[in-house]
C-alpha atoms as a PDB file:
ATOM      1  CA  MET A   1      47.408  11.437  28.016  1.00  0.00           C
ATOM      2  CA  GLY A   2      44.882  11.664  30.816  1.00  0.00           C
ATOM      3  CA  TYR A   3      42.030   9.279  31.397  1.00  0.00           C
ATOM      4  CA  SER A   4      38.372  10.216  31.366  1.00  0.00           C
ATOM      5  CA  GLY A   5      35.632   9.104  33.683  1.00  0.00           C
ATOM      6  CA  VAL A   6      34.139   5.670  33.020  1.00  0.00           C
ATOM      7  CA  PRO A   7      30.403   4.886  33.135  1.00  0.00           C
ATOM      8  CA  GLU A   8      29.838   2.203  35.765  1.00  0.00           C
ATOM      9  CA  PRO A   9      27.339  -0.367  34.511  1.00  0.00           C
ATOM     10  CA  ILE A  10      24.390  -1.001  36.785  1.00  0.00           C
ATOM     11  CA  ILE A  11      24.392  -4.763  36.448  1.00  0.00           C
ATOM     12  CA  ASN A  12      25.054  -7.802  38.593  1.00  0.00           C
ATOM     13  CA  PHE A  13      28.191  -9.731  37.698  1.00  0.00           C
ATOM     14  CA  SER A  14      26.702 -12.819  36.071  1.00  0.00           C
ATOM     15  CA  PRO A  15      28.121 -13.207  32.536  1.00  0.00           C
ATOM     16  CA  LYS A  16      26.635 -15.985  30.418  1.00  0.00           C
ATOM     17  CA  HIS A  17      28.625 -19.157  29.798  1.00  0.00           C
ATOM     18  CA  TYR A  18      28.801 -21.643  26.940  1.00  0.00           C
ATOM     19  CA  ILE A  19      30.468 -25.058  26.678  1.00  0.00           C
ATOM     20  CA  CYS A  20      32.262 -25.196  23.324  1.00  0.00           C
ATOM     21  CA  LEU A  21      32.769 -28.852  22.365  1.00  0.00           C
ATOM     22  CA  LYS A  22      35.377 -30.375  20.085  1.00  0.00           C
ATOM     23  CA  ALA A  23      34.246 -30.997  16.519  1.00  0.00           C
ATOM     24  CA  THR A  24      34.285 -34.545  15.177  1.00  0.00           C
ATOM     25  CA  GLU A  25      34.496 -33.668  11.489  1.00  0.00           C
ATOM     26  CA  LYS A  26      35.604 -30.859   9.178  1.00  0.00           C
ATOM     27  CA  PRO A  27      32.885 -28.464   8.024  1.00  0.00           C
ATOM     28  CA  ASN A  28      32.019 -27.166   4.609  1.00  0.00           C
ATOM     29  CA  ILE A  29      31.670 -23.458   5.392  1.00  0.00           C
ATOM     30  CA  ASP A  30      28.505 -22.540   3.470  1.00  0.00           C
ATOM     31  CA  GLY A  31      26.459 -20.636   6.057  1.00  0.00           C
ATOM     32  CA  ARG A  32      24.079 -23.519   6.702  1.00  0.00           C
ATOM     33  CA  LEU A  33      23.648 -24.798  10.234  1.00  0.00           C
ATOM     34  CA  ASP A  34      21.373 -27.755   9.409  1.00  0.00           C
ATOM     35  CA  LYS A  35      24.238 -30.166   8.684  1.00  0.00           C
ATOM     36  CA  THR A  36      25.773 -32.960  10.720  1.00  0.00           C
ATOM     37  CA  PHE A  37      28.805 -30.866  11.666  1.00  0.00           C
ATOM     38  CA  TRP A  38      26.681 -28.737  14.018  1.00  0.00           C
ATOM     39  CA  GLU A  39      24.548 -31.513  15.551  1.00  0.00           C
ATOM     40  CA  LYS A  40      26.890 -31.910  18.538  1.00  0.00           C
ATOM     41  CA  ALA A  41      26.847 -28.209  19.405  1.00  0.00           C
ATOM     42  CA  SER A  42      24.157 -26.788  21.659  1.00  0.00           C
ATOM     43  CA  TRP A  43      22.363 -23.532  20.949  1.00  0.00           C
ATOM     44  CA  SER A  44      23.093 -20.554  23.125  1.00  0.00           C
ATOM     45  CA  GLU A  45      20.415 -18.638  24.944  1.00  0.00           C
ATOM     46  CA  GLU A  46      18.534 -16.143  22.799  1.00  0.00           C
ATOM     47  CA  PHE A  47      20.088 -12.698  22.664  1.00  0.00           C
ATOM     48  CA  VAL A  48      18.820  -9.898  24.903  1.00  0.00           C
ATOM     49  CA  ASP A  49      19.143  -6.132  24.746  1.00  0.00           C
ATOM     50  CA  ILE A  50      22.658  -4.908  25.502  1.00  0.00           C
ATOM     51  CA  GLU A  51      21.322  -3.103  28.597  1.00  0.00           C
ATOM     52  CA  GLY A  52      19.884  -6.372  29.887  1.00  0.00           C
ATOM     53  CA  ALA A  53      16.773  -6.205  32.048  1.00  0.00           C
ATOM     54  CA  LEU A  54      16.586  -2.422  31.607  1.00  0.00           C
ATOM     55  CA  LYS A  55      15.126  -2.902  28.122  1.00  0.00           C
ATOM     56  CA  PRO A  56      12.474  -5.184  26.571  1.00  0.00           C
ATOM     57  CA  LYS A  57      13.330  -8.532  25.017  1.00  0.00           C
ATOM     58  CA  PRO A  58      14.271  -8.231  21.312  1.00  0.00           C
ATOM     59  CA  GLY A  59      11.444  -8.847  18.855  1.00  0.00           C
ATOM     60  CA  LYS A  60      13.557 -11.151  16.674  1.00  0.00           C
ATOM     61  CA  LYS A  61      15.418 -14.256  17.812  1.00  0.00           C
ATOM     62  CA  THR A  62      19.208 -14.537  17.608  1.00  0.00           C
ATOM     63  CA  ARG A  63      21.330 -17.428  18.849  1.00  0.00           C
ATOM     64  CA  PHE A  64      24.692 -19.079  18.139  1.00  0.00           C
ATOM     65  CA  LYS A  65      26.649 -22.329  18.250  1.00  0.00           C
ATOM     66  CA  MET A  66      30.390 -22.954  18.645  1.00  0.00           C
ATOM     67  CA  LEU A  67      32.812 -25.829  18.097  1.00  0.00           C
ATOM     68  CA  TRP A  68      36.608 -26.182  17.968  1.00  0.00           C
ATOM     69  CA  ASP A  69      39.309 -28.494  16.713  1.00  0.00           C
ATOM     70  CA  GLU A  70      43.110 -28.404  16.575  1.00  0.00           C
ATOM     71  CA  GLU A  71      43.168 -25.893  13.717  1.00  0.00           C
ATOM     72  CA  ASN A  72      40.157 -23.606  14.080  1.00  0.00           C
ATOM     73  CA  LEU A  73      37.462 -22.069  16.244  1.00  0.00           C
ATOM     74  CA  TYR A  74      34.031 -22.316  14.592  1.00  0.00           C
ATOM     75  CA  PHE A  75      31.009 -20.058  14.976  1.00  0.00           C
ATOM     76  CA  GLY A  76      27.497 -20.458  13.636  1.00  0.00           C
ATOM     77  CA  ALA A  77      24.646 -18.039  14.223  1.00  0.00           C
ATOM     78  CA  GLU A  78      21.006 -17.811  13.208  1.00  0.00           C
ATOM     79  CA  LEU A  79      19.278 -14.416  12.938  1.00  0.00           C
ATOM     80  CA  GLU A  80      15.506 -14.399  12.586  1.00  0.00           C
ATOM     81  CA  GLU A  81      14.639 -11.667  10.093  1.00  0.00           C
ATOM     82  CA  ASP A  82      11.747 -10.678   7.801  1.00  0.00           C
ATOM     83  CA  LYS A  83      13.734  -7.772   6.292  1.00  0.00           C
ATOM     84  CA  ILE A  84      17.020  -9.169   5.009  1.00  0.00           C
ATOM     85  CA  TRP A  85      19.149  -6.396   3.539  1.00  0.00           C
ATOM     86  CA  ALA A  86      22.749  -5.292   3.203  1.00  0.00           C
ATOM     87  CA  THR A  87      24.608  -2.661   1.169  1.00  0.00           C
ATOM     88  CA  LEU A  88      28.285  -2.703   2.167  1.00  0.00           C
ATOM     89  CA  THR A  89      30.739  -4.694   0.027  1.00  0.00           C
ATOM     90  CA  GLU A  90      34.206  -3.384   0.981  1.00  0.00           C
ATOM     91  CA  ARG A  91      36.179  -5.379   3.541  1.00  0.00           C
ATOM     92  CA  ASP A  92      36.990  -3.479   6.740  1.00  0.00           C
ATOM     93  CA  CYS A  93      34.407  -0.768   6.156  1.00  0.00           C
ATOM     94  CA  VAL A  94      32.135   0.095   9.088  1.00  0.00           C
ATOM     95  CA  ILE A  95      29.893  -2.950   8.774  1.00  0.00           C
ATOM     96  CA  PHE A  96      27.525  -1.978  11.602  1.00  0.00           C
ATOM     97  CA  GLN A  97      26.102   0.712   9.332  1.00  0.00           C
ATOM     98  CA  ASP A  98      24.203  -2.307   7.965  1.00  0.00           C
ATOM     99  CA  ASN A  99      22.389  -4.846  10.097  1.00  0.00           C
ATOM    100  CA  ASP A 100      25.189  -7.164  11.164  1.00  0.00           C
ATOM    101  CA  PHE A 101      26.466  -9.992  13.361  1.00  0.00           C
ATOM    102  CA  GLU A 102      29.505  -9.398  15.577  1.00  0.00           C
ATOM    103  CA  ILE A 103      31.989 -11.491  17.570  1.00  0.00           C
ATOM    104  CA  PHE A 104      34.300 -10.152  20.302  1.00  0.00           C
ATOM    105  CA  ILE A 105      37.159 -12.274  21.685  1.00  0.00           C
ATOM    106  CA  ASP A 106      39.450 -11.501  24.649  1.00  0.00           C
ATOM    107  CA  PRO A 107      41.578 -14.660  24.934  1.00  0.00           C
ATOM    108  CA  ASP A 108      43.353 -13.935  28.226  1.00  0.00           C
ATOM    109  CA  GLY A 109      40.621 -11.911  29.926  1.00  0.00           C
ATOM    110  CA  ASP A 110      42.786  -8.897  30.795  1.00  0.00           C
ATOM    111  CA  THR A 111      40.502  -6.535  28.750  1.00  0.00           C
ATOM    112  CA  HIS A 112      43.436  -5.489  26.520  1.00  0.00           C
ATOM    113  CA  ASN A 113      44.429  -6.759  23.054  1.00  0.00           C
ATOM    114  CA  TYR A 114      41.190  -8.304  21.897  1.00  0.00           C
ATOM    115  CA  TYR A 115      39.567  -9.095  18.564  1.00  0.00           C
ATOM    116  CA  GLU A 116      36.428  -7.686  16.982  1.00  0.00           C
ATOM    117  CA  PHE A 117      34.718  -9.231  13.963  1.00  0.00           C
ATOM    118  CA  GLU A 118      31.624  -8.041  12.093  1.00  0.00           C
ATOM    119  CA  MET A 119      29.788  -9.343   9.025  1.00  0.00           C
ATOM    120  CA  ASN A 120      26.635  -8.460   7.118  1.00  0.00           C
ATOM    121  CA  ALA A 121      24.227 -10.494   4.995  1.00  0.00           C
ATOM    122  CA  LEU A 122      26.416  -9.882   1.918  1.00  0.00           C
ATOM    123  CA  ASN A 123      29.234 -11.767   3.700  1.00  0.00           C
ATOM    124  CA  THR A 124      31.281  -8.579   3.871  1.00  0.00           C
ATOM    125  CA  ILE A 125      33.558  -8.654   6.917  1.00  0.00           C
ATOM    126  CA  TRP A 126      35.433  -6.268   9.189  1.00  0.00           C
ATOM    127  CA  ASP A 127      38.123  -7.793  11.392  1.00  0.00           C
ATOM    128  CA  LEU A 128      40.194  -5.641  13.695  1.00  0.00           C
ATOM    129  CA  LEU A 129      42.329  -5.686  16.820  1.00  0.00           C
ATOM    130  CA  LEU A 130      41.719  -3.380  19.783  1.00  0.00           C
ATOM    131  CA  THR A 131      44.763  -2.567  21.896  1.00  0.00           C
ATOM    132  CA  LYS A 132      42.487  -1.450  24.747  1.00  0.00           C
ATOM    133  CA  PRO A 133      38.846  -0.452  25.120  1.00  0.00           C
ATOM    134  CA  TYR A 134      38.142   3.042  23.809  1.00  0.00           C
ATOM    135  CA  ARG A 135      37.457   4.235  27.387  1.00  0.00           C
ATOM    136  CA  ASP A 136      41.134   3.476  28.127  1.00  0.00           C
ATOM    137  CA  ASN A 137      42.434   5.398  25.092  1.00  0.00           C
ATOM    138  CA  GLY A 138      42.588   2.199  23.053  1.00  0.00           C
ATOM    139  CA  LYS A 139      43.199   2.322  19.332  1.00  0.00           C
ATOM    140  CA  PRO A 140      41.613   0.069  16.695  1.00  0.00           C
ATOM    141  CA  VAL A 141      44.089  -1.654  14.380  1.00  0.00           C
ATOM    142  CA  ASN A 142      41.988  -1.787  11.210  1.00  0.00           C
ATOM    143  CA  SER A 143      44.831  -3.206   9.106  1.00  0.00           C
ATOM    144  CA  PHE A 144      44.772  -6.371  11.247  1.00  0.00           C
ATOM    145  CA  ASP A 145      43.400  -9.379   9.368  1.00  0.00           C
ATOM    146  CA  ILE A 146      42.500 -12.831  10.634  1.00  0.00           C
ATOM    147  CA  ARG A 147      44.567 -14.682   8.055  1.00  0.00           C
ATOM    148  CA  GLY A 148      42.899 -17.864   6.896  1.00  0.00           C
ATOM    149  CA  ILE A 149      39.432 -16.872   8.068  1.00  0.00           C
ATOM    150  CA  LYS A 150      36.506 -18.482   6.249  1.00  0.00           C
ATOM    151  CA  THR A 151      32.991 -17.025   6.323  1.00  0.00           C
ATOM    152  CA  ALA A 152      29.668 -17.697   4.625  1.00  0.00           C
ATOM    153  CA  VAL A 153      26.028 -16.573   4.756  1.00  0.00           C
ATOM    154  CA  HIS A 154      22.905 -18.606   4.025  1.00  0.00           C
ATOM    155  CA  ILE A 155      19.647 -16.741   3.461  1.00  0.00           C
ATOM    156  CA  LYS A 156      16.176 -18.189   3.973  1.00  0.00           C
ATOM    157  CA  GLY A 157      14.469 -15.712   1.697  1.00  0.00           C
ATOM    158  CA  GLU A 158      16.040 -13.206  -0.675  1.00  0.00           C
ATOM    159  CA  LEU A 159      18.551 -10.475   0.008  1.00  0.00           C
ATOM    160  CA  ASN A 160      17.286  -6.919  -0.593  1.00  0.00           C
ATOM    161  CA  ASN A 161      13.910  -8.156  -1.841  1.00  0.00           C
ATOM    162  CA  PRO A 162      11.009  -6.924   0.324  1.00  0.00           C
ATOM    163  CA  ALA A 163       8.565  -9.006  -1.729  1.00  0.00           C
ATOM    164  CA  ALA A 164      10.234 -12.285  -0.727  1.00  0.00           C
ATOM    165  CA  GLU A 165       9.147 -14.555   2.100  1.00  0.00           C
ATOM    166  CA  ASN A 166      12.075 -13.750   4.361  1.00  0.00           C
ATOM    167  CA  ILE A 167      12.615 -15.918   7.427  1.00  0.00           C
ATOM    168  CA  SER A 168      16.230 -15.659   8.596  1.00  0.00           C
ATOM    169  CA  TRP A 169      19.871 -15.455   7.681  1.00  0.00           C
ATOM    170  CA  SER A 170      22.602 -17.602   9.159  1.00  0.00           C
ATOM    171  CA  VAL A 171      26.369 -17.253   9.245  1.00  0.00           C
ATOM    172  CA  GLU A 172      29.334 -19.567   9.627  1.00  0.00           C
ATOM    173  CA  VAL A 173      32.809 -18.435  10.589  1.00  0.00           C
ATOM    174  CA  SER A 174      36.037 -20.423  10.894  1.00  0.00           C
ATOM    175  CA  MET A 175      38.938 -18.619  12.656  1.00  0.00           C
ATOM    176  CA  PRO A 176      42.412 -20.226  12.801  1.00  0.00           C
ATOM    177  CA  TRP A 177      44.125 -20.592  16.163  1.00  0.00           C
ATOM    178  CA  THR A 178      47.364 -19.446  14.500  1.00  0.00           C
ATOM    179  CA  VAL A 179      45.938 -15.903  14.627  1.00  0.00           C
ATOM    180  CA  LEU A 180      43.730 -16.027  17.732  1.00  0.00           C
ATOM    181  CA  ARG A 181      46.497 -17.374  19.957  1.00  0.00           C
ATOM    182  CA  GLU A 182      48.630 -14.251  19.439  1.00  0.00           C
ATOM    183  CA  CYS A 183      46.722 -12.427  22.211  1.00  0.00           C
ATOM    184  CA  ALA A 184      46.199 -15.504  24.370  1.00  0.00           C
ATOM    185  CA  GLU A 185      47.924 -16.633  27.547  1.00  0.00           C
ATOM    186  CA  GLU A 186      51.324 -18.104  26.641  1.00  0.00           C
ATOM    187  CA  THR A 187      50.411 -17.295  23.002  1.00  0.00           C
ATOM    188  CA  ARG A 188      48.710 -20.665  22.617  1.00  0.00           C
ATOM    189  CA  ALA A 189      45.284 -22.085  21.881  1.00  0.00           C
ATOM    190  CA  PRO A 190      43.202 -22.936  24.948  1.00  0.00           C
ATOM    191  CA  LYS A 191      43.560 -26.270  26.665  1.00  0.00           C
ATOM    192  CA  PRO A 192      40.463 -28.358  27.502  1.00  0.00           C
ATOM    193  CA  LEU A 193      38.461 -26.877  30.387  1.00  0.00           C
ATOM    194  CA  GLU A 194      40.069 -23.448  30.015  1.00  0.00           C
ATOM    195  CA  TYR A 195      37.865 -20.510  29.068  1.00  0.00           C
ATOM    196  CA  TRP A 196      38.126 -17.341  27.018  1.00  0.00           C
ATOM    197  CA  ARG A 197      36.010 -14.213  27.362  1.00  0.00           C
ATOM    198  CA  ILE A 198      33.787 -13.915  24.276  1.00  0.00           C
ATOM    199  CA  ASN A 199      30.637 -12.019  23.380  1.00  0.00           C
ATOM    200  CA  PHE A 200      28.315 -11.628  20.425  1.00  0.00           C
ATOM    201  CA  SER A 201      26.260  -8.713  19.186  1.00  0.00           C
ATOM    202  CA  ARG A 202      23.592  -8.116  16.566  1.00  0.00           C
ATOM    203  CA  VAL A 203      23.110  -4.568  15.291  1.00  0.00           C
ATOM    204  CA  GLN A 204      19.567  -3.923  14.074  1.00  0.00           C
ATOM    205  CA  TRP A 205      18.428  -0.725  12.334  1.00  0.00           C
ATOM    206  CA  ARG A 206      14.848   0.487  12.076  1.00  0.00           C
ATOM    207  CA  THR A 207      13.860   0.427   8.391  1.00  0.00           C
ATOM    208  CA  GLU A 208      10.932   1.203   6.098  1.00  0.00           C
ATOM    209  CA  LEU A 209      10.106   0.681   2.438  1.00  0.00           C
ATOM    210  CA  LYS A 210      10.719   3.434  -0.098  1.00  0.00           C
ATOM    211  CA  ASP A 211      10.536   2.843  -3.844  1.00  0.00           C
ATOM    212  CA  GLY A 212      10.636  -0.903  -3.251  1.00  0.00           C
ATOM    213  CA  LYS A 213      13.812  -0.765  -1.132  1.00  0.00           C
ATOM    214  CA  TYR A 214      14.664  -0.918   2.543  1.00  0.00           C
ATOM    215  CA  VAL A 215      15.888   2.399   3.929  1.00  0.00           C
ATOM    216  CA  LYS A 216      16.663   3.473   7.466  1.00  0.00           C
ATOM    217  CA  CYS A 217      13.892   5.339   9.257  1.00  0.00           C
ATOM    218  CA  ILE A 218      14.799   8.980   9.802  1.00  0.00           C
ATOM    219  CA  ASN A 219      14.045  10.737  13.063  1.00  0.00           C
ATOM    220  CA  PRO A 220      12.354  13.996  12.010  1.00  0.00           C
ATOM    221  CA  GLU A 221      13.709  15.754  15.096  1.00  0.00           C
ATOM    222  CA  THR A 222      17.350  15.090  14.181  1.00  0.00           C
ATOM    223  CA  GLY A 223      17.284  14.442  10.447  1.00  0.00           C
ATOM    224  CA  ARG A 224      19.353  11.295  11.074  1.00  0.00           C
ATOM    225  CA  PRO A 225      18.477   7.604  11.355  1.00  0.00           C
ATOM    226  CA  TYR A 226      17.082   6.447  14.691  1.00  0.00           C
ATOM    227  CA  PRO A 227      19.742   4.815  16.896  1.00  0.00           C
ATOM    228  CA  GLU A 228      20.302   1.161  16.168  1.00  0.00           C
ATOM    229  CA  ASP A 229      19.283  -1.639  18.521  1.00  0.00           C
ATOM    230  CA  ASN A 230      22.085  -3.726  20.019  1.00  0.00           C
ATOM    231  CA  TRP A 231      21.109  -7.294  20.868  1.00  0.00           C
ATOM    232  CA  VAL A 232      23.750  -9.377  22.606  1.00  0.00           C
ATOM    233  CA  TRP A 233      24.431 -12.720  24.223  1.00  0.00           C
ATOM    234  CA  SER A 234      25.879 -11.466  27.524  1.00  0.00           C
ATOM    235  CA  PRO A 235      24.600  -7.965  28.389  1.00  0.00           C
ATOM    236  CA  THR A 236      26.920  -5.201  29.565  1.00  0.00           C
ATOM    237  CA  GLY A 237      24.279  -3.051  31.254  1.00  0.00           C
ATOM    238  CA  LEU A 238      24.952  -0.018  29.058  1.00  0.00           C
ATOM    239  CA  ILE A 239      25.159   0.701  25.319  1.00  0.00           C
ATOM    240  CA  ASN A 240      28.810  -0.185  24.869  1.00  0.00           C
ATOM    241  CA  MET A 241      30.196  -3.561  23.772  1.00  0.00           C
ATOM    242  CA  HIS A 242      33.707  -2.579  24.790  1.00  0.00           C
ATOM    243  CA  TYR A 243      33.377  -3.724  28.391  1.00  0.00           C
ATOM    244  CA  PRO A 244      35.261  -7.051  28.068  1.00  0.00           C
ATOM    245  CA  GLU A 245      34.966  -7.687  31.807  1.00  0.00           C
ATOM    246  CA  LEU A 246      31.264  -8.439  31.217  1.00  0.00           C
ATOM    247  CA  TRP A 247      31.600 -10.719  28.197  1.00  0.00           C
ATOM    248  CA  GLY A 248      30.627 -14.353  28.522  1.00  0.00           C
ATOM    249  CA  PHE A 249      32.778 -17.315  29.519  1.00  0.00           C
ATOM    250  CA  VAL A 250      33.318 -19.817  26.704  1.00  0.00           C
ATOM    251  CA  VAL A 251      34.734 -23.092  28.038  1.00  0.00           C
ATOM    252  CA  PHE A 252      36.572 -25.368  25.603  1.00  0.00           C
ATOM    253  CA  ALA A 253      35.851 -29.020  26.274  1.00  0.00           C
ATOM    254  CA  GLU A 254      36.100 -32.399  24.604  1.00  0.00           C
ATOM    255  CA  GLU A 255      32.949 -33.694  26.293  1.00  0.00           C
ATOM    256  CA  PRO A 256      29.953 -31.994  27.985  1.00  0.00           C
ATOM    257  CA  THR A 257      30.909 -30.535  31.347  1.00  0.00           C
ATOM    258  CA  GLU A 258      29.610 -28.252  34.086  1.00  0.00           C
ATOM    259  CA  PHE A 259      30.749 -24.641  34.160  1.00  0.00           C
ATOM    260  CA  ARG A 260      32.674 -23.604  37.243  1.00  0.00           C
ATOM    261  CA  MET A 261      33.811 -20.018  37.279  1.00  0.00           C
ATOM    262  CA  ASN A 262      37.203 -19.382  38.842  1.00  0.00           C
ATOM    263  CA  PRO A 263      36.487 -17.531  42.125  1.00  0.00           C
ATOM    264  CA  ASP A 264      39.212 -15.052  41.176  1.00  0.00           C
ATOM    265  CA  GLU A 265      36.762 -13.654  38.618  1.00  0.00           C
ATOM    266  CA  ASN A 266      34.654 -12.242  41.444  1.00  0.00           C
ATOM    267  CA  ILE A 267      37.745 -10.598  42.914  1.00  0.00           C
ATOM    268  CA  LYS A 268      38.585  -9.127  39.494  1.00  0.00           C
ATOM    269  CA  TRP A 269      35.045  -7.754  39.290  1.00  0.00           C
ATOM    270  CA  GLU A 270      35.317  -6.015  42.654  1.00  0.00           C
ATOM    271  CA  LEU A 271      38.633  -4.521  41.550  1.00  0.00           C
ATOM    272  CA  ARG A 272      36.946  -3.446  38.326  1.00  0.00           C
ATOM    273  CA  LYS A 273      34.249  -1.591  40.253  1.00  0.00           C
ATOM    274  CA  LEU A 274      36.971   0.267  42.137  1.00  0.00           C
ATOM    275  CA  TYR A 275      38.611   1.092  38.791  1.00  0.00           C
ATOM    276  CA  TYR A 276      35.367   2.662  37.539  1.00  0.00           C
ATOM    277  CA  ARG A 277      35.086   4.741  40.687  1.00  0.00           C
ATOM    278  CA  GLN A 278      38.743   5.708  40.783  1.00  0.00           C
ATOM    279  CA  ARG A 279      38.552   6.976  37.217  1.00  0.00           C
ATOM    280  CA  ASN A 280      35.360   8.895  37.958  1.00  0.00           C
ATOM    281  CA  TYR A 281      36.876  10.323  41.144  1.00  0.00           C
ATOM    282  CA  TYR A 282      39.802  11.652  39.123  1.00  0.00           C
ATOM    283  CA  ALA A 283      37.475  13.188  36.537  1.00  0.00           C
ATOM    284  CA  GLU A 284      35.746  15.105  39.341  1.00  0.00           C
ATOM    285  CA  HIS A 285      38.652  15.949  41.661  1.00  0.00           C
ATOM    286  CA  GLY A 286      41.762  15.953  39.471  1.00  0.00           C
ATOM    287  CA  SER A 287      43.488  13.362  41.642  1.00  0.00           C
ATOM    288  CA  TYR A 288      43.078   9.693  42.520  1.00  0.00           C
ATOM    289  CA  CYS A 289      41.526   8.569  45.795  1.00  0.00           C
ATOM    290  CA  THR A 290      43.575   6.761  48.431  1.00  0.00           C
ATOM    291  CA  SER A 291      40.579   5.838  50.608  1.00  0.00           C
ATOM    292  CA  PHE A 292      38.840   2.510  50.095  1.00  0.00           C
ATOM    293  CA  GLU A 293      35.950   3.729  52.278  1.00  0.00           C
ATOM    294  CA  LYS A 294      35.284   6.615  49.907  1.00  0.00           C
ATOM    295  CA  LEU A 295      35.488   4.443  46.801  1.00  0.00           C
ATOM    296  CA  LYS A 296      33.243   1.645  48.039  1.00  0.00           C
ATOM    297  CA  GLY A 297      30.512   3.953  49.322  1.00  0.00           C
ATOM    298  CA  GLU A 298      27.513   2.011  50.588  1.00  0.00           C
ATOM    299  CA  ASP A 299      28.404  -1.170  48.681  1.00  0.00           C
ATOM    300  CA  ASN A 300      29.673  -4.342  50.289  1.00  0.00           C
ATOM    301  CA  PHE A 301      33.006  -5.711  49.097  1.00  0.00           C
ATOM    302  CA  SER A 302      34.591  -9.037  49.965  1.00  0.00           C
ATOM    303  CA  ILE A 303      38.138  -7.820  49.275  1.00  0.00           C
ATOM    304  CA  ILE A 304      40.470  -5.670  51.336  1.00  0.00           C
ATOM    305  CA  PRO A 305      42.334  -3.820  48.589  1.00  0.00           C
ATOM    306  CA  HIS A 306      45.714  -2.152  48.617  1.00  0.00           C
ATOM    307  CA  ILE A 307      45.553   1.211  46.822  1.00  0.00           C
ATOM    308  CA  GLU A 308      48.606   3.003  45.437  1.00  0.00           C
ATOM    309  CA  THR A 309      48.402   6.340  43.626  1.00  0.00           C
ATOM    310  CA  THR A 310      50.571   9.014  42.043  1.00  0.00           C
ATOM    311  CA  SER A 311      49.505  12.275  40.453  1.00  0.00           C
ATOM    312  CA  SER A 312      48.552  10.444  37.237  1.00  0.00           C
ATOM    313  CA  LEU A 313      48.546   6.701  37.969  1.00  0.00           C
ATOM    314  CA  PHE A 314      46.943   4.182  40.284  1.00  0.00           C
ATOM    315  CA  GLN A 315      47.174   0.495  41.072  1.00  0.00           C
ATOM    316  CA  ILE A 316      44.689  -1.443  43.190  1.00  0.00           C
ATOM    317  CA  SER A 317      45.374  -5.030  44.249  1.00  0.00           C
ATOM    318  CA  ALA A 318      43.801  -7.737  46.380  1.00  0.00           C
ATOM    319  CA  LYS A 319      44.662 -11.277  47.392  1.00  0.00           C
ATOM    320  CA  SER A 320      43.607 -14.046  45.027  1.00  0.00           C
ATOM    321  CA  PHE A 321      41.048 -16.574  46.266  1.00  0.00           C
ATOM    322  CA  ASP A 322      43.740 -19.057  47.328  1.00  0.00           C
ATOM    323  CA  GLY A 323      45.823 -16.304  48.930  1.00  0.00           C
ATOM    324  CA  LYS A 324      48.959 -17.314  47.011  1.00  0.00           C
ATOM    325  CA  SER A 325      49.118 -14.284  44.732  1.00  0.00           C
ATOM    326  CA  ARG A 326      47.647 -10.840  44.175  1.00  0.00           C
ATOM    327  CA  ILE A 327      45.325  -9.643  41.434  1.00  0.00           C
ATOM    328  CA  CYS A 328      45.974  -6.119  40.217  1.00  0.00           C
ATOM    329  CA  ILE A 329      44.273  -3.449  38.141  1.00  0.00           C
ATOM    330  CA  LYS A 330      45.625  -0.097  37.026  1.00  0.00           C
ATOM    331  CA  GLU A 331      44.358   3.179  35.598  1.00  0.00           C
ATOM    332  CA  ASP A 332      44.001   1.920  32.003  1.00  0.00           C
ATOM    333  CA  GLY A 333      41.923  -1.071  33.142  1.00  0.00           C
ATOM    334  CA  TYR A 334      44.617  -3.691  32.581  1.00  0.00           C
ATOM    335  CA  THR A 335      44.381  -6.612  35.009  1.00  0.00           C
ATOM    336  CA  TRP A 336      47.026  -9.182  35.906  1.00  0.00           C
ATOM    337  CA  LYS A 337      48.130 -11.577  38.622  1.00  0.00           C
ATOM    338  CA  GLU A 338      51.460 -11.387  40.420  1.00  0.00           C
END
């Protein structure tokens, strides 16, 4: 199967980061974040539009907290909302057809084999595994379940009641390492001071009141609902969450620490930009480009890449920061070190 062109995000490489501390007690998963369990965890920055600075700041605040222990990874999120509604009740249905909260987890940062989780205000969930991003012909494994997951929603207001004084809804999620580690480096949970690539999204639909109920606003020009807003923690620069290379860095720590990004991440990003351009070159010319000068254009790169191509494949590599190994990327976006 051939590969299509890939939109190159117009964004600087500066993913957000979060220090995820070790929990000191076991939580009662009830959706409330005003309990002692969460006191140690810091709040994230408020979410922004998925396109980042290209779009205005969201009109409603969203933020999250995280903690971990030997058994589980814990998430808590607070979504400011004066219209709290949900309709979907079947697990693994397309939850983002409601307003929802979403978590994306790429444990080893190679952009392949990552987890997606969505939930609505009814505490209906959708958990799935992506073999690759859709741009790379990835397939969603909808039958995948995070065994042992615990989730809850707490509503400050009333669900599906426009007459209520609605303020926010909050979620809690507990995910066992026994499942998450399956796609991780060495199939293990992270060690202290290691990081995983994680991102969060909030899907928000434009609604209005009809017969005392919330309904999606219909665009009269199309006869369909207006496109949803996508508010995220770490923006991707385009309307597509499935760009794992731009997700945030979540560092697992036992005590507060400073974030220090591995300098190899900048090398991986420059290789990723060449991957975008190589894929787009093929879409236009029907072959892959062997010239670094053509691929880089007017941009400055710090790497001197080695480019290998066949009629249907490519591999681009560059020295790691310490010069002891090479970092590689190929036509389906997979990255690795050798």
